[in-house]
Amino acid sequence: DAGMQHYWYVEDEDSSAVVHVYELDGPTGVYA
């Protein structure tokens, strides 16, 4: 909603880092 273009979500998966990457979709205004 604030218009931040890139969002990365880092979580632990069996003691390893996993990164979920999202990019803001301009027409819809939601992360893809």
Full PDB file with SEQRES, HELIX, SHEET, SSBOND, CRYST1, ORIGX, SCALE, CONECT and MASTER records, all heavy atoms in Angstrom:
SEQRES   1 A   32  ASP ALA GLY MET GLN HIS TYR TRP TYR VAL GLU ASP GLU          
SEQRES   2 A   32  ASP SER SER ALA VAL VAL HIS VAL TYR GLU LEU ASP GLY          
SEQRES   3 A   32  PRO THR GLY VAL TYR ALA                                      
SHEET    1 AA1 2 HIS A   6  GLU A  13  0                                        
SHEET    2 AA1 2 SER A  16  ASP A  25 -1                                        
CRYST1    1.000    1.000    1.000  90.00  90.00  90.00 P 1           1          
ORIGX1      1.000000  0.000000  0.000000        0.00000                         
ORIGX2      0.000000  1.000000  0.000000        0.00000                         
ORIGX3      0.000000  0.000000  1.000000        0.00000                         
SCALE1      1.000000  0.000000  0.000000        0.00000                         
SCALE2      0.000000  1.000000  0.000000        0.00000                         
SCALE3      0.000000  0.000000  1.000000        0.00000                         
ATOM      1  N   ASP A   1       0.823  -1.216   0.000  1.00  0.00           N  
ATOM      2  CA  ASP A   1       0.000   0.000   0.000  1.00  0.00           C  
ATOM      3  C   ASP A   1       0.854   1.261   0.000  1.00  0.00           C  
ATOM      4  O   ASP A   1       0.472   2.281  -0.576  1.00  0.00           O  
ATOM      5  CB  ASP A   1      -0.948   0.029   1.203  1.00  0.00           C  
ATOM      6  CG  ASP A   1      -2.074  -0.987   1.107  1.00  0.00           C  
ATOM      7  OD1 ASP A   1      -2.296  -1.549   0.005  1.00  0.00           O  
ATOM      8  OD2 ASP A   1      -2.727  -1.231   2.148  1.00  0.00           O  
ATOM      9  N   ALA A   2       2.028   1.184   0.633  1.00  0.00           N  
ATOM     10  CA  ALA A   2       2.931   2.337   0.696  1.00  0.00           C  
ATOM     11  C   ALA A   2       3.726   2.510  -0.598  1.00  0.00           C  
ATOM     12  O   ALA A   2       4.382   3.522  -0.787  1.00  0.00           O  
ATOM     13  CB  ALA A   2       3.879   2.196   1.880  1.00  0.00           C  
ATOM     14  N   GLY A   3       3.682   1.488  -1.470  1.00  0.00           N  
ATOM     15  CA  GLY A   3       4.368   1.587  -2.754  1.00  0.00           C  
ATOM     16  C   GLY A   3       5.810   1.128  -2.754  1.00  0.00           C  
ATOM     17  O   GLY A   3       6.563   1.426  -3.682  1.00  0.00           O  
ATOM     18  N   MET A   4       6.215   0.384  -1.731  1.00  0.00           N  
ATOM     19  CA  MET A   4       7.586  -0.134  -1.681  1.00  0.00           C  
ATOM     20  C   MET A   4       7.718  -1.249  -2.712  1.00  0.00           C  
ATOM     21  O   MET A   4       6.968  -2.220  -2.676  1.00  0.00           O  
ATOM     22  CB  MET A   4       7.917  -0.592  -0.275  1.00  0.00           C  
ATOM     23  CG  MET A   4       7.908   0.550   0.698  1.00  0.00           C  
ATOM     24  SD  MET A   4       8.270   0.009   2.359  1.00  0.00           S  
ATOM     25  CE  MET A   4       8.070   1.530   3.260  1.00  0.00           C  
ATOM     26  N   GLN A   5       8.644  -1.092  -3.624  1.00  0.00           N  
ATOM     27  CA  GLN A   5       8.735  -1.948  -4.812  1.00  0.00           C  
ATOM     28  C   GLN A   5       9.182  -3.384  -4.542  1.00  0.00           C  
ATOM     29  O   GLN A   5       8.767  -4.295  -5.239  1.00  0.00           O  
ATOM     30  CB  GLN A   5       9.696  -1.318  -5.825  1.00  0.00           C  
ATOM     31  CG  GLN A   5       9.215   0.011  -6.361  1.00  0.00           C  
ATOM     32  CD  GLN A   5       7.937  -0.139  -7.164  1.00  0.00           C  
ATOM     33  OE1 GLN A   5       7.852  -0.939  -8.077  1.00  0.00           O  
ATOM     34  NE2 GLN A   5       6.930   0.631  -6.803  1.00  0.00           N  
ATOM     35  N   HIS A   6      10.041  -3.587  -3.549  1.00  0.00           N  
ATOM     36  CA  HIS A   6      10.616  -4.922  -3.329  1.00  0.00           C  
ATOM     37  C   HIS A   6      10.512  -5.306  -1.856  1.00  0.00           C  
ATOM     38  O   HIS A   6      10.838  -4.519  -0.970  1.00  0.00           O  
ATOM     39  CB  HIS A   6      12.084  -4.940  -3.763  1.00  0.00           C  
ATOM     40  CG  HIS A   6      12.254  -4.576  -5.196  1.00  0.00           C  
ATOM     41  ND1 HIS A   6      12.166  -5.494  -6.221  1.00  0.00           N  
ATOM     42  CD2 HIS A   6      12.488  -3.382  -5.791  1.00  0.00           C  
ATOM     43  CE1 HIS A   6      12.339  -4.876  -7.369  1.00  0.00           C  
ATOM     44  NE2 HIS A   6      12.537  -3.596  -7.136  1.00  0.00           N  
ATOM     45  N   TYR A   7      10.056  -6.541  -1.618  1.00  0.00           N  
ATOM     46  CA  TYR A   7       9.883  -7.069  -0.266  1.00  0.00           C  
ATOM     47  C   TYR A   7      10.479  -8.461  -0.224  1.00  0.00           C  
ATOM     48  O   TYR A   7      10.123  -9.317  -1.041  1.00  0.00           O  
ATOM     49  CB  TYR A   7       8.393  -7.117   0.087  1.00  0.00           C  
ATOM     50  CG  TYR A   7       8.079  -7.684   1.451  1.00  0.00           C  
ATOM     51  CD1 TYR A   7       8.313  -6.932   2.597  1.00  0.00           C  
ATOM     52  CD2 TYR A   7       7.542  -8.954   1.599  1.00  0.00           C  
ATOM     53  CE1 TYR A   7       8.005  -7.445   3.856  1.00  0.00           C  
ATOM     54  CE2 TYR A   7       7.236  -9.463   2.846  1.00  0.00           C  
ATOM     55  CZ  TYR A   7       7.469  -8.706   3.973  1.00  0.00           C  
ATOM     56  OH  TYR A   7       7.173  -9.213   5.215  1.00  0.00           O  
ATOM     57  N   TRP A   8      11.426  -8.669   0.683  1.00  0.00           N  
ATOM     58  CA  TRP A   8      12.024  -9.993   0.876  1.00  0.00           C  
ATOM     59  C   TRP A   8      11.701 -10.460   2.282  1.00  0.00           C  
ATOM     60  O   TRP A   8      11.838  -9.730   3.251  1.00  0.00           O  
ATOM     61  CB  TRP A   8      13.532  -9.961   0.697  1.00  0.00           C  
ATOM     62  CG  TRP A   8      14.007  -9.582  -0.673  1.00  0.00           C  
ATOM     63  CD1 TRP A   8      13.252  -9.283  -1.771  1.00  0.00           C  
ATOM     64  CD2 TRP A   8      15.362  -9.449  -1.085  1.00  0.00           C  
ATOM     65  NE1 TRP A   8      14.047  -8.981  -2.829  1.00  0.00           N  
ATOM     66  CE2 TRP A   8      15.358  -9.074  -2.446  1.00  0.00           C  
ATOM     67  CE3 TRP A   8      16.582  -9.607  -0.443  1.00  0.00           C  
ATOM     68  CZ2 TRP A   8      16.521  -8.860  -3.163  1.00  0.00           C  
ATOM     69  CZ3 TRP A   8      17.739  -9.396  -1.150  1.00  0.00           C  
ATOM     70  CH2 TRP A   8      17.708  -9.033  -2.495  1.00  0.00           C  
ATOM     71  N   TYR A   9      11.294 -11.713   2.381  1.00  0.00           N  
ATOM     72  CA  TYR A   9      10.883 -12.335   3.630  1.00  0.00           C  
ATOM     73  C   TYR A   9      11.851 -13.488   3.873  1.00  0.00           C  
ATOM     74  O   TYR A   9      11.916 -14.420   3.070  1.00  0.00           O  
ATOM     75  CB  TYR A   9       9.446 -12.817   3.422  1.00  0.00           C  
ATOM     76  CG  TYR A   9       8.807 -13.604   4.523  1.00  0.00           C  
ATOM     77  CD1 TYR A   9       8.015 -12.977   5.468  1.00  0.00           C  
ATOM     78  CD2 TYR A   9       8.941 -14.981   4.592  1.00  0.00           C  
ATOM     79  CE1 TYR A   9       7.378 -13.696   6.454  1.00  0.00           C  
ATOM     80  CE2 TYR A   9       8.306 -15.708   5.584  1.00  0.00           C  
ATOM     81  CZ  TYR A   9       7.531 -15.066   6.510  1.00  0.00           C  
ATOM     82  OH  TYR A   9       6.904 -15.779   7.491  1.00  0.00           O  
ATOM     83  N   VAL A  10      12.656 -13.399   4.929  1.00  0.00           N  
ATOM     84  CA  VAL A  10      13.677 -14.406   5.223  1.00  0.00           C  
ATOM     85  C   VAL A  10      13.195 -15.249   6.394  1.00  0.00           C  
ATOM     86  O   VAL A  10      12.850 -14.711   7.448  1.00  0.00           O  
ATOM     87  CB  VAL A  10      15.034 -13.761   5.577  1.00  0.00           C  
ATOM     88  CG1 VAL A  10      16.098 -14.830   5.793  1.00  0.00           C  
ATOM     89  CG2 VAL A  10      15.461 -12.775   4.494  1.00  0.00           C  
ATOM     90  N   GLU A  11      13.188 -16.560   6.197  1.00  0.00           N  
ATOM     91  CA  GLU A  11      12.760 -17.446   7.279  1.00  0.00           C  
ATOM     92  C   GLU A  11      13.712 -18.622   7.411  1.00  0.00           C  
ATOM     93  O   GLU A  11      14.515 -18.907   6.518  1.00  0.00           O  
ATOM     94  CB  GLU A  11      11.337 -17.936   7.058  1.00  0.00           C  
ATOM     95  CG  GLU A  11      11.165 -18.837   5.868  1.00  0.00           C  
ATOM     96  CD  GLU A  11       9.735 -19.335   5.709  1.00  0.00           C  
ATOM     97  OE1 GLU A  11       8.954 -19.281   6.674  1.00  0.00           O  
ATOM     98  OE2 GLU A  11       9.404 -19.803   4.623  1.00  0.00           O  
ATOM     99  N   ASP A  12      13.595 -19.295   8.535  1.00  0.00           N  
ATOM    100  CA  ASP A  12      14.397 -20.484   8.815  1.00  0.00           C  
ATOM    101  C   ASP A  12      13.625 -21.712   8.347  1.00  0.00           C  
ATOM    102  O   ASP A  12      12.448 -21.859   8.657  1.00  0.00           O  
ATOM    103  CB  ASP A  12      14.674 -20.572  10.319  1.00  0.00           C  
ATOM    104  CG  ASP A  12      15.389 -21.859  10.672  1.00  0.00           C  
ATOM    105  OD1 ASP A  12      16.588 -21.964  10.374  1.00  0.00           O  
ATOM    106  OD2 ASP A  12      14.732 -22.769  11.234  1.00  0.00           O  
ATOM    107  N   GLU A  13      14.307 -22.547   7.589  1.00  0.00           N  
ATOM    108  CA  GLU A  13      13.717 -23.806   7.140  1.00  0.00           C  
ATOM    109  C   GLU A  13      14.733 -24.892   7.424  1.00  0.00           C  
ATOM    110  O   GLU A  13      15.743 -24.996   6.739  1.00  0.00           O  
ATOM    111  CB  GLU A  13      13.401 -23.733   5.644  1.00  0.00           C  
ATOM    112  CG  GLU A  13      12.743 -24.972   5.088  1.00  0.00           C  
ATOM    113  CD  GLU A  13      12.459 -24.823   3.608  1.00  0.00           C  
ATOM    114  OE1 GLU A  13      13.357 -25.140   2.811  1.00  0.00           O  
ATOM    115  OE2 GLU A  13      11.347 -24.376   3.269  1.00  0.00           O  
ATOM    116  N   ASP A  14      14.492 -25.673   8.465  1.00  0.00           N  
ATOM    117  CA  ASP A  14      15.415 -26.741   8.856  1.00  0.00           C  
ATOM    118  C   ASP A  14      16.835 -26.211   9.031  1.00  0.00           C  
ATOM    119  O   ASP A  14      17.806 -26.768   8.520  1.00  0.00           O  
ATOM    120  CB  ASP A  14      15.392 -27.882   7.838  1.00  0.00           C  
ATOM    121  CG  ASP A  14      14.034 -28.528   7.729  1.00  0.00           C  
ATOM    122  OD1 ASP A  14      13.343 -28.630   8.764  1.00  0.00           O  
ATOM    123  OD2 ASP A  14      13.646 -28.931   6.615  1.00  0.00           O  
ATOM    124  N   SER A  15      16.954 -25.088   9.747  1.00  0.00           N  
ATOM    125  CA  SER A  15      18.233 -24.429  10.060  1.00  0.00           C  
ATOM    126  C   SER A  15      18.947 -23.862   8.845  1.00  0.00           C  
ATOM    127  O   SER A  15      20.162 -23.671   8.862  1.00  0.00           O  
ATOM    128  CB  SER A  15      19.160 -25.380  10.823  1.00  0.00           C  
ATOM    129  OG  SER A  15      18.564 -25.737  12.045  1.00  0.00           O  
ATOM    130  N   SER A  16      18.213 -23.591   7.780  1.00  0.00           N  
ATOM    131  CA  SER A  16      18.768 -22.933   6.597  1.00  0.00           C  
ATOM    132  C   SER A  16      17.914 -21.712   6.265  1.00  0.00           C  
ATOM    133  O   SER A  16      16.692 -21.734   6.438  1.00  0.00           O  
ATOM    134  CB  SER A  16      18.759 -23.876   5.387  1.00  0.00           C  
ATOM    135  OG  SER A  16      19.609 -24.970   5.609  1.00  0.00           O  
ATOM    136  N   ALA A  17      18.574 -20.664   5.776  1.00  0.00           N  
ATOM    137  CA  ALA A  17      17.852 -19.448   5.393  1.00  0.00           C  
ATOM    138  C   ALA A  17      17.155 -19.655   4.052  1.00  0.00           C  
ATOM    139  O   ALA A  17      17.753 -20.176   3.106  1.00  0.00           O  
ATOM    140  CB  ALA A  17      18.810 -18.272   5.301  1.00  0.00           C  
ATOM    141  N   VAL A  18      15.905 -19.259   3.995  1.00  0.00           N  
ATOM    142  CA  VAL A  18      15.115 -19.279   2.765  1.00  0.00           C  
ATOM    143  C   VAL A  18      14.571 -17.870   2.566  1.00  0.00           C  
ATOM    144  O   VAL A  18      14.051 -17.264   3.505  1.00  0.00           O  
ATOM    145  CB  VAL A  18      13.951 -20.288   2.859  1.00  0.00           C  
ATOM    146  CG1 VAL A  18      13.079 -20.226   1.612  1.00  0.00           C  
ATOM    147  CG2 VAL A  18      14.479 -21.693   3.068  1.00  0.00           C  
ATOM    148  N   VAL A  19      14.694 -17.352   1.340  1.00  0.00           N  
ATOM    149  CA  VAL A  19      14.243 -15.995   1.057  1.00  0.00           C  
ATOM    150  C   VAL A  19      13.101 -16.039   0.050  1.00  0.00           C  
ATOM    151  O   VAL A  19      13.249 -16.578  -1.047  1.00  0.00           O  
ATOM    152  CB  VAL A  19      15.394 -15.116   0.510  1.00  0.00           C  
ATOM    153  CG1 VAL A  19      14.893 -13.699   0.252  1.00  0.00           C  
ATOM    154  CG2 VAL A  19      16.570 -15.116   1.468  1.00  0.00           C  
ATOM    155  N   HIS A  20      11.971 -15.464   0.447  1.00  0.00           N  
ATOM    156  CA  HIS A  20      10.803 -15.316  -0.420  1.00  0.00           C  
ATOM    157  C   HIS A  20      10.861 -13.901  -0.975  1.00  0.00           C  
ATOM    158  O   HIS A  20      10.885 -12.939  -0.211  1.00  0.00           O  
ATOM    159  CB  HIS A  20       9.506 -15.522   0.368  1.00  0.00           C  
ATOM    160  CG  HIS A  20       9.409 -16.870   1.007  1.00  0.00           C  
ATOM    161  ND1 HIS A  20       8.668 -17.885   0.454  1.00  0.00           N  
ATOM    162  CD2 HIS A  20       9.982 -17.373   2.131  1.00  0.00           C  
ATOM    163  CE1 HIS A  20       8.780 -18.955   1.225  1.00  0.00           C  
ATOM    164  NE2 HIS A  20       9.569 -18.666   2.244  1.00  0.00           N  
ATOM    165  N   VAL A  21      10.888 -13.770  -2.295  1.00  0.00           N  
ATOM    166  CA  VAL A  21      11.059 -12.474  -2.945  1.00  0.00           C  
ATOM    167  C   VAL A  21       9.756 -12.056  -3.617  1.00  0.00           C  
ATOM    168  O   VAL A  21       9.139 -12.846  -4.344  1.00  0.00           O  
ATOM    169  CB  VAL A  21      12.208 -12.540  -3.977  1.00  0.00           C  
ATOM    170  CG1 VAL A  21      12.307 -11.268  -4.781  1.00  0.00           C  
ATOM    171  CG2 VAL A  21      13.529 -12.839  -3.270  1.00  0.00           C  
ATOM    172  N   TYR A  22       9.360 -10.802  -3.373  1.00  0.00           N  
ATOM    173  CA  TYR A  22       8.154 -10.237  -3.963  1.00  0.00           C  
ATOM    174  C   TYR A  22       8.496  -8.928  -4.657  1.00  0.00           C  
ATOM    175  O   TYR A  22       9.354  -8.179  -4.195  1.00  0.00           O  
ATOM    176  CB  TYR A  22       7.101  -9.954  -2.890  1.00  0.00           C  
ATOM    177  CG  TYR A  22       6.582 -11.188  -2.215  1.00  0.00           C  
ATOM    178  CD1 TYR A  22       7.218 -11.704  -1.087  1.00  0.00           C  
ATOM    179  CD2 TYR A  22       5.473 -11.849  -2.705  1.00  0.00           C  
ATOM    180  CE1 TYR A  22       6.757 -12.851  -0.472  1.00  0.00           C  
ATOM    181  CE2 TYR A  22       5.000 -12.996  -2.090  1.00  0.00           C  
ATOM    182  CZ  TYR A  22       5.646 -13.491  -0.981  1.00  0.00           C  
ATOM    183  OH  TYR A  22       5.188 -14.622  -0.378  1.00  0.00           O  
ATOM    184  N   GLU A  23       7.795  -8.651  -5.745  1.00  0.00           N  
ATOM    185  CA  GLU A  23       7.918  -7.379  -6.448  1.00  0.00           C  
ATOM    186  C   GLU A  23       6.525  -6.778  -6.578  1.00  0.00           C  
ATOM    187  O   GLU A  23       5.553  -7.489  -6.835  1.00  0.00           O  
ATOM    188  CB  GLU A  23       8.535  -7.576  -7.826  1.00  0.00           C  
ATOM    189  CG  GLU A  23       9.963  -8.061  -7.773  1.00  0.00           C  
ATOM    190  CD  GLU A  23      10.560  -8.340  -9.143  1.00  0.00           C  
ATOM    191  OE1 GLU A  23       9.872  -8.145 -10.168  1.00  0.00           O  
ATOM    192  OE2 GLU A  23      11.724  -8.767  -9.182  1.00  0.00           O  
ATOM    193  N   LEU A  24       6.452  -5.476  -6.403  1.00  0.00           N  
ATOM    194  CA  LEU A  24       5.166  -4.792  -6.479  1.00  0.00           C  
ATOM    195  C   LEU A  24       4.678  -4.745  -7.922  1.00  0.00           C  
ATOM    196  O   LEU A  24       5.406  -4.332  -8.823  1.00  0.00           O  
ATOM    197  CB  LEU A  24       5.298  -3.369  -5.927  1.00  0.00           C  
ATOM    198  CG  LEU A  24       4.001  -2.617  -5.682  1.00  0.00           C  
ATOM    199  CD1 LEU A  24       3.152  -3.325  -4.616  1.00  0.00           C  
ATOM    200  CD2 LEU A  24       4.302  -1.198  -5.253  1.00  0.00           C  
ATOM    201  N   ASP A  25       3.456  -5.192  -8.131  1.00  0.00           N  
ATOM    202  CA  ASP A  25       2.836  -5.130  -9.446  1.00  0.00           C  
ATOM    203  C   ASP A  25       2.136  -3.781  -9.572  1.00  0.00           C  
ATOM    204  O   ASP A  25       1.197  -3.494  -8.826  1.00  0.00           O  
ATOM    205  CB  ASP A  25       1.827  -6.274  -9.593  1.00  0.00           C  
ATOM    206  CG  ASP A  25       1.117  -6.236 -10.924  1.00  0.00           C  
ATOM    207  OD1 ASP A  25       1.800  -6.342 -11.960  1.00  0.00           O  
ATOM    208  OD2 ASP A  25      -0.125  -6.063 -10.927  1.00  0.00           O  
ATOM    209  N   GLY A  26       2.621  -2.953 -10.479  1.00  0.00           N  
ATOM    210  CA  GLY A  26       2.097  -1.594 -10.633  1.00  0.00           C  
ATOM    211  C   GLY A  26       0.605  -1.505 -10.862  1.00  0.00           C  
ATOM    212  O   GLY A  26      -0.097  -0.777 -10.150  1.00  0.00           O  
ATOM    213  N   PRO A  27       0.056  -2.227 -11.843  1.00  0.00           N  
ATOM    214  CA  PRO A  27      -1.380  -2.099 -12.129  1.00  0.00           C  
ATOM    215  C   PRO A  27      -2.293  -2.498 -10.967  1.00  0.00           C  
ATOM    216  O   PRO A  27      -3.321  -1.881 -10.738  1.00  0.00           O  
ATOM    217  CB  PRO A  27      -1.601  -3.018 -13.329  1.00  0.00           C  
ATOM    218  CG  PRO A  27      -0.267  -3.110 -13.985  1.00  0.00           C  
ATOM    219  CD  PRO A  27       0.732  -3.032 -12.864  1.00  0.00           C  
ATOM    220  N   THR A  28      -1.907  -3.542 -10.216  1.00  0.00           N  
ATOM    221  CA  THR A  28      -2.779  -4.011  -9.135  1.00  0.00           C  
ATOM    222  C   THR A  28      -2.417  -3.425  -7.777  1.00  0.00           C  
ATOM    223  O   THR A  28      -3.240  -3.417  -6.866  1.00  0.00           O  
ATOM    224  CB  THR A  28      -2.741  -5.550  -9.026  1.00  0.00           C  
ATOM    225  OG1 THR A  28      -1.415  -5.954  -8.654  1.00  0.00           O  
ATOM    226  CG2 THR A  28      -3.161  -6.206 -10.318  1.00  0.00           C  
ATOM    227  N   GLY A  29      -1.161  -2.977  -7.618  1.00  0.00           N  
ATOM    228  CA  GLY A  29      -0.723  -2.433  -6.336  1.00  0.00           C  
ATOM    229  C   GLY A  29      -0.501  -3.474  -5.264  1.00  0.00           C  
ATOM    230  O   GLY A  29      -0.429  -3.157  -4.080  1.00  0.00           O  
ATOM    231  N   VAL A  30      -0.375  -4.738  -5.654  1.00  0.00           N  
ATOM    232  CA  VAL A  30      -0.093  -5.812  -4.696  1.00  0.00           C  
ATOM    233  C   VAL A  30       1.206  -6.505  -5.085  1.00  0.00           C  
ATOM    234  O   VAL A  30       1.662  -6.411  -6.225  1.00  0.00           O  
ATOM    235  CB  VAL A  30      -1.247  -6.845  -4.612  1.00  0.00           C  
ATOM    236  CG1 VAL A  30      -2.531  -6.191  -4.132  1.00  0.00           C  
ATOM    237  CG2 VAL A  30      -1.462  -7.532  -5.932  1.00  0.00           C  
ATOM    238  N   TYR A  31       1.780  -7.220  -4.129  1.00  0.00           N  
ATOM    239  CA  TYR A  31       3.021  -7.928  -4.403  1.00  0.00           C  
ATOM    240  C   TYR A  31       2.760  -9.205  -5.192  1.00  0.00           C  
ATOM    241  O   TYR A  31       1.804  -9.933  -4.923  1.00  0.00           O  
ATOM    242  CB  TYR A  31       3.747  -8.296  -3.115  1.00  0.00           C  
ATOM    243  CG  TYR A  31       4.441  -7.133  -2.466  1.00  0.00           C  
ATOM    244  CD1 TYR A  31       4.061  -6.686  -1.209  1.00  0.00           C  
ATOM    245  CD2 TYR A  31       5.481  -6.478  -3.115  1.00  0.00           C  
ATOM    246  CE1 TYR A  31       4.705  -5.621  -0.609  1.00  0.00           C  
ATOM    247  CE2 TYR A  31       6.129  -5.407  -2.520  1.00  0.00           C  
ATOM    248  CZ  TYR A  31       5.740  -4.991  -1.275  1.00  0.00           C  
ATOM    249  OH  TYR A  31       6.377  -3.931  -0.694  1.00  0.00           O  
ATOM    250  N   ALA A  32       3.647  -9.458  -6.147  1.00  0.00           N  
ATOM    251  CA  ALA A  32       3.621 -10.703  -6.903  1.00  0.00           C  
ATOM    252  C   ALA A  32       4.874 -11.487  -6.534  1.00  0.00           C  
ATOM    253  O   ALA A  32       5.960 -10.908  -6.432  1.00  0.00           O  
ATOM    254  CB  ALA A  32       3.619 -10.412  -8.402  1.00  0.00           C  
TER     255      ALA A  32                                                      
MASTER        0    0    0    0    2    0    0    6  254    1    0    3          
END                                                                             
